[in-house]
């Protein structure tokens, strides 16, 4: 065998060995983009409530102990953008110490909101105490653009 043929066969076998090596492990899949990432705290520093099974909308619940005020803000999927509705009030259904209670929050449009409101307010010391009770749970039902949404409220330590 000539040196030329031997070199050719050696190069060919070297390429076969390299070409037959196991392929590298596939790259780790990228984190799935659910399109639903947000903080647990809303833009007004309140507790976020997901509305709908896929978090299509959000409500942010805030309270001010000094003024005994409870406020709910309606927010979009990003949990930041205000969403207005024409309803004059929201009902927050609570269960405290096994007893059902209902809180009615009145529309209080934010600056620039016309024809609807994204903010709903109630001044009520008793309801505020219920919200702060350790085992209080609740449910918010709201209609946005003709579709009903609901979200659960669970007690969170402050």
C-alpha atoms as a PDB file:
ATOM      1  CA  UNK A   1       0.000   0.000   0.000  1.00  0.00           C
ATOM      2  CA  UNK A   2       1.375   3.368  -0.903  1.00  0.00           C
ATOM      3  CA  UNK A   3       1.883   6.127   1.592  1.00  0.00           C
ATOM      4  CA  UNK A   4      -0.742   8.153  -0.213  1.00  0.00           C
ATOM      5  CA  UNK A   5      -3.390   5.401   0.124  1.00  0.00           C
ATOM      6  CA  UNK A   6      -2.444   4.762   3.754  1.00  0.00           C
ATOM      7  CA  UNK A   7      -2.826   8.467   4.562  1.00  0.00           C
ATOM      8  CA  UNK A   8      -6.197   8.543   2.794  1.00  0.00           C
ATOM      9  CA  UNK A   9      -7.462   5.463   4.686  1.00  0.00           C
ATOM     10  CA  UNK A  10      -6.191   6.845   7.986  1.00  0.00           C
ATOM     11  CA  UNK A  11      -7.966  10.162   7.384  1.00  0.00           C
ATOM     12  CA  UNK A  12     -11.149   8.340   6.325  1.00  0.00           C
ATOM     13  CA  UNK A  13     -11.151   6.116   9.415  1.00  0.00           C
ATOM     14  CA  UNK A  14     -10.449   9.144  11.634  1.00  0.00           C
ATOM     15  CA  UNK A  15     -13.476  10.938  10.158  1.00  0.00           C
ATOM     16  CA  UNK A  16     -15.631   7.845  10.695  1.00  0.00           C
ATOM     17  CA  UNK A  17     -14.625   7.676  14.351  1.00  0.00           C
ATOM     18  CA  UNK A  18     -15.401  11.353  14.875  1.00  0.00           C
ATOM     19  CA  UNK A  19     -18.634  11.151  12.886  1.00  0.00           C
ATOM     20  CA  UNK A  20     -19.845   8.112  14.831  1.00  0.00           C
ATOM     21  CA  UNK A  21     -19.378   9.653  18.246  1.00  0.00           C
ATOM     22  CA  UNK A  22     -22.480  10.128  20.352  1.00  0.00           C
ATOM     23  CA  UNK A  23     -24.179  13.429  19.707  1.00  0.00           C
ATOM     24  CA  UNK A  24     -24.003  16.023  22.414  1.00  0.00           C
ATOM     25  CA  UNK A  25     -26.913  16.091  24.816  1.00  0.00           C
ATOM     26  CA  UNK A  26     -29.708  18.305  23.546  1.00  0.00           C
ATOM     27  CA  UNK A  27     -29.811  21.721  25.141  1.00  0.00           C
ATOM     28  CA  UNK A  28     -32.097  22.093  28.132  1.00  0.00           C
ATOM     29  CA  UNK A  29     -35.514  23.300  27.072  1.00  0.00           C
ATOM     30  CA  UNK A  30     -36.108  26.966  27.592  1.00  0.00           C
ATOM     31  CA  UNK A  31     -38.400  27.931  30.409  1.00  0.00           C
ATOM     32  CA  UNK A  32     -41.934  27.762  29.110  1.00  0.00           C
ATOM     33  CA  UNK A  33     -43.404  31.194  28.517  1.00  0.00           C
ATOM     34  CA  UNK A  34     -46.818  31.032  30.064  1.00  0.00           C
ATOM     35  CA  UNK A  35     -47.375  34.702  29.411  1.00  0.00           C
ATOM     36  CA  UNK A  36     -48.434  34.905  33.041  1.00  0.00           C
ATOM     37  CA  UNK A  37     -45.639  36.228  35.179  1.00  0.00           C
ATOM     38  CA  UNK A  38     -46.278  38.850  37.799  1.00  0.00           C
ATOM     39  CA  UNK A  39     -45.430  39.682  41.365  1.00  0.00           C
ATOM     40  CA  UNK A  40     -47.567  38.601  44.301  1.00  0.00           C
ATOM     41  CA  UNK A  41     -47.982  42.255  45.200  1.00  0.00           C
ATOM     42  CA  UNK A  42     -49.921  44.684  43.013  1.00  0.00           C
ATOM     43  CA  UNK A  43     -48.971  48.207  41.922  1.00  0.00           C
ATOM     44  CA  UNK A  44     -50.744  49.653  44.995  1.00  0.00           C
ATOM     45  CA  UNK A  45     -48.810  47.289  47.328  1.00  0.00           C
ATOM     46  CA  UNK A  46     -51.899  45.111  47.854  1.00  0.00           C
ATOM     47  CA  UNK A  47     -52.658  41.405  47.638  1.00  0.00           C
ATOM     48  CA  UNK A  48     -53.329  40.105  44.095  1.00  0.00           C
ATOM     49  CA  UNK A  49     -56.329  37.905  43.357  1.00  0.00           C
ATOM     50  CA  UNK A  50     -56.311  35.982  40.069  1.00  0.00           C
ATOM     51  CA  UNK A  51     -59.582  36.260  38.195  1.00  0.00           C
ATOM     52  CA  UNK A  52     -60.386  33.325  35.928  1.00  0.00           C
ATOM     53  CA  UNK A  53     -58.678  29.966  35.635  1.00  0.00           C
ATOM     54  CA  UNK A  54     -55.801  31.317  33.571  1.00  0.00           C
ATOM     55  CA  UNK A  55     -55.395  34.665  35.313  1.00  0.00           C
ATOM     56  CA  UNK A  56     -57.028  36.579  32.466  1.00  0.00           C
ATOM     57  CA  UNK A  57     -57.540  39.473  34.869  1.00  0.00           C
ATOM     58  CA  UNK A  58     -56.532  40.349  38.412  1.00  0.00           C
ATOM     59  CA  UNK A  59     -57.935  42.240  41.352  1.00  0.00           C
ATOM     60  CA  UNK A  60     -55.730  43.933  43.898  1.00  0.00           C
ATOM     61  CA  UNK A  61     -57.029  44.204  47.450  1.00  0.00           C
ATOM     62  CA  UNK A  62     -55.616  46.928  49.659  1.00  0.00           C
ATOM     63  CA  UNK A  63     -56.671  48.220  53.046  1.00  0.00           C
ATOM     64  CA  UNK A  64     -55.843  51.192  55.202  1.00  0.00           C
ATOM     65  CA  UNK A  65     -56.188  50.471  58.912  1.00  0.00           C
ATOM     66  CA  UNK A  66     -56.186  54.165  59.876  1.00  0.00           C
ATOM     67  CA  UNK A  67     -59.127  55.124  57.648  1.00  0.00           C
ATOM     68  CA  UNK A  68     -60.806  51.657  57.830  1.00  0.00           C
ATOM     69  CA  UNK A  69     -60.858  51.663  54.022  1.00  0.00           C
ATOM     70  CA  UNK A  70     -60.838  48.587  51.793  1.00  0.00           C
ATOM     71  CA  UNK A  71     -60.063  49.122  48.113  1.00  0.00           C
ATOM     72  CA  UNK A  72     -60.174  46.703  45.193  1.00  0.00           C
ATOM     73  CA  UNK A  73     -58.479  47.627  41.915  1.00  0.00           C
ATOM     74  CA  UNK A  74     -59.288  45.699  38.726  1.00  0.00           C
ATOM     75  CA  UNK A  75     -56.188  44.953  36.659  1.00  0.00           C
ATOM     76  CA  UNK A  76     -55.325  43.319  33.349  1.00  0.00           C
ATOM     77  CA  UNK A  77     -53.387  40.095  32.720  1.00  0.00           C
ATOM     78  CA  UNK A  78     -50.088  41.838  33.546  1.00  0.00           C
ATOM     79  CA  UNK A  79     -51.454  42.702  37.021  1.00  0.00           C
ATOM     80  CA  UNK A  80     -50.481  46.341  36.407  1.00  0.00           C
ATOM     81  CA  UNK A  81     -52.841  47.905  33.868  1.00  0.00           C
ATOM     82  CA  UNK A  82     -56.176  49.250  35.144  1.00  0.00           C
ATOM     83  CA  UNK A  83     -59.328  47.648  33.688  1.00  0.00           C
ATOM     84  CA  UNK A  84     -62.609  49.543  33.985  1.00  0.00           C
ATOM     85  CA  UNK A  85     -66.106  48.127  34.247  1.00  0.00           C
ATOM     86  CA  UNK A  86     -69.464  49.911  34.165  1.00  0.00           C
ATOM     87  CA  UNK A  87     -70.876  48.173  37.269  1.00  0.00           C
ATOM     88  CA  UNK A  88     -71.503  50.616  40.145  1.00  0.00           C
ATOM     89  CA  UNK A  89     -70.375  48.107  42.786  1.00  0.00           C
ATOM     90  CA  UNK A  90     -68.469  44.890  43.484  1.00  0.00           C
ATOM     91  CA  UNK A  91     -69.494  42.196  45.935  1.00  0.00           C
ATOM     92  CA  UNK A  92     -66.844  40.455  47.987  1.00  0.00           C
ATOM     93  CA  UNK A  93     -68.185  37.278  49.591  1.00  0.00           C
ATOM     94  CA  UNK A  94     -66.352  36.390  52.796  1.00  0.00           C
ATOM     95  CA  UNK A  95     -66.467  33.453  55.184  1.00  0.00           C
ATOM     96  CA  UNK A  96     -65.162  34.273  58.652  1.00  0.00           C
ATOM     97  CA  UNK A  97     -65.460  31.878  61.602  1.00  0.00           C
ATOM     98  CA  UNK A  98     -67.730  29.720  59.452  1.00  0.00           C
ATOM     99  CA  UNK A  99     -70.182  32.579  58.883  1.00  0.00           C
ATOM    100  CA  UNK A 100     -70.800  33.988  55.397  1.00  0.00           C
ATOM    101  CA  UNK A 101     -70.576  37.772  55.058  1.00  0.00           C
ATOM    102  CA  UNK A 102     -70.931  40.052  52.071  1.00  0.00           C
ATOM    103  CA  UNK A 103     -69.090  43.322  51.517  1.00  0.00           C
ATOM    104  CA  UNK A 104     -70.310  45.807  48.911  1.00  0.00           C
ATOM    105  CA  UNK A 105     -67.620  48.066  47.461  1.00  0.00           C
ATOM    106  CA  UNK A 106     -68.727  51.163  45.533  1.00  0.00           C
ATOM    107  CA  UNK A 107     -67.165  52.366  42.280  1.00  0.00           C
ATOM    108  CA  UNK A 108     -64.702  55.220  42.788  1.00  0.00           C
ATOM    109  CA  UNK A 109     -63.202  56.024  39.362  1.00  0.00           C
ATOM    110  CA  UNK A 110     -59.559  56.965  39.275  1.00  0.00           C
ATOM    111  CA  UNK A 111     -58.448  60.143  37.563  1.00  0.00           C
ATOM    112  CA  UNK A 112     -59.119  59.925  33.828  1.00  0.00           C
ATOM    113  CA  UNK A 113     -61.623  57.059  34.033  1.00  0.00           C
ATOM    114  CA  UNK A 114     -64.918  57.839  32.328  1.00  0.00           C
ATOM    115  CA  UNK A 115     -67.820  55.487  31.722  1.00  0.00           C
ATOM    116  CA  UNK A 116     -66.571  52.989  34.292  1.00  0.00           C
ATOM    117  CA  UNK A 117     -64.239  52.386  37.180  1.00  0.00           C
ATOM    118  CA  UNK A 118     -61.265  50.185  37.973  1.00  0.00           C
ATOM    119  CA  UNK A 119     -61.365  51.131  41.656  1.00  0.00           C
ATOM    120  CA  UNK A 120     -63.993  50.096  44.219  1.00  0.00           C
ATOM    121  CA  UNK A 121     -63.996  51.303  47.833  1.00  0.00           C
ATOM    122  CA  UNK A 122     -65.643  50.444  51.160  1.00  0.00           C
ATOM    123  CA  UNK A 123     -65.126  52.130  54.530  1.00  0.00           C
ATOM    124  CA  UNK A 124     -66.156  49.549  57.145  1.00  0.00           C
ATOM    125  CA  UNK A 125     -64.251  48.659  60.305  1.00  0.00           C
ATOM    126  CA  UNK A 126     -66.093  45.336  60.763  1.00  0.00           C
ATOM    127  CA  UNK A 127     -65.255  44.115  57.243  1.00  0.00           C
ATOM    128  CA  UNK A 128     -61.648  45.222  57.709  1.00  0.00           C
ATOM    129  CA  UNK A 129     -61.453  43.135  60.893  1.00  0.00           C
ATOM    130  CA  UNK A 130     -62.926  40.148  59.027  1.00  0.00           C
ATOM    131  CA  UNK A 131     -60.294  40.490  56.298  1.00  0.00           C
ATOM    132  CA  UNK A 132     -57.545  40.446  58.902  1.00  0.00           C
ATOM    133  CA  UNK A 133     -58.951  37.449  60.808  1.00  0.00           C
ATOM    134  CA  UNK A 134     -56.675  34.370  60.465  1.00  0.00           C
ATOM    135  CA  UNK A 135     -59.135  31.956  58.871  1.00  0.00           C
ATOM    136  CA  UNK A 136     -61.132  34.327  56.684  1.00  0.00           C
ATOM    137  CA  UNK A 137     -61.550  33.258  53.071  1.00  0.00           C
ATOM    138  CA  UNK A 138     -63.425  34.959  50.299  1.00  0.00           C
ATOM    139  CA  UNK A 139     -64.473  35.021  46.703  1.00  0.00           C
ATOM    140  CA  UNK A 140     -64.713  37.957  44.337  1.00  0.00           C
ATOM    141  CA  UNK A 141     -67.042  37.684  41.346  1.00  0.00           C
ATOM    142  CA  UNK A 142     -66.846  40.314  38.631  1.00  0.00           C
ATOM    143  CA  UNK A 143     -68.058  40.713  35.046  1.00  0.00           C
ATOM    144  CA  UNK A 144     -65.524  42.189  32.626  1.00  0.00           C
ATOM    145  CA  UNK A 145     -66.479  42.802  28.998  1.00  0.00           C
ATOM    146  CA  UNK A 146     -69.528  40.546  29.344  1.00  0.00           C
ATOM    147  CA  UNK A 147     -67.642  37.571  30.814  1.00  0.00           C
ATOM    148  CA  UNK A 148     -67.929  36.494  34.458  1.00  0.00           C
ATOM    149  CA  UNK A 149     -64.695  35.927  36.370  1.00  0.00           C
ATOM    150  CA  UNK A 150     -64.091  34.853  39.936  1.00  0.00           C
ATOM    151  CA  UNK A 151     -61.091  34.688  42.191  1.00  0.00           C
ATOM    152  CA  UNK A 152     -60.389  33.358  45.658  1.00  0.00           C
ATOM    153  CA  UNK A 153     -59.148  35.443  48.523  1.00  0.00           C
ATOM    154  CA  UNK A 154     -57.107  33.704  51.190  1.00  0.00           C
ATOM    155  CA  UNK A 155     -55.734  35.166  54.368  1.00  0.00           C
ATOM    156  CA  UNK A 156     -52.111  36.293  54.178  1.00  0.00           C
ATOM    157  CA  UNK A 157     -50.029  37.426  57.120  1.00  0.00           C
ATOM    158  CA  UNK A 158     -49.085  41.074  57.005  1.00  0.00           C
END
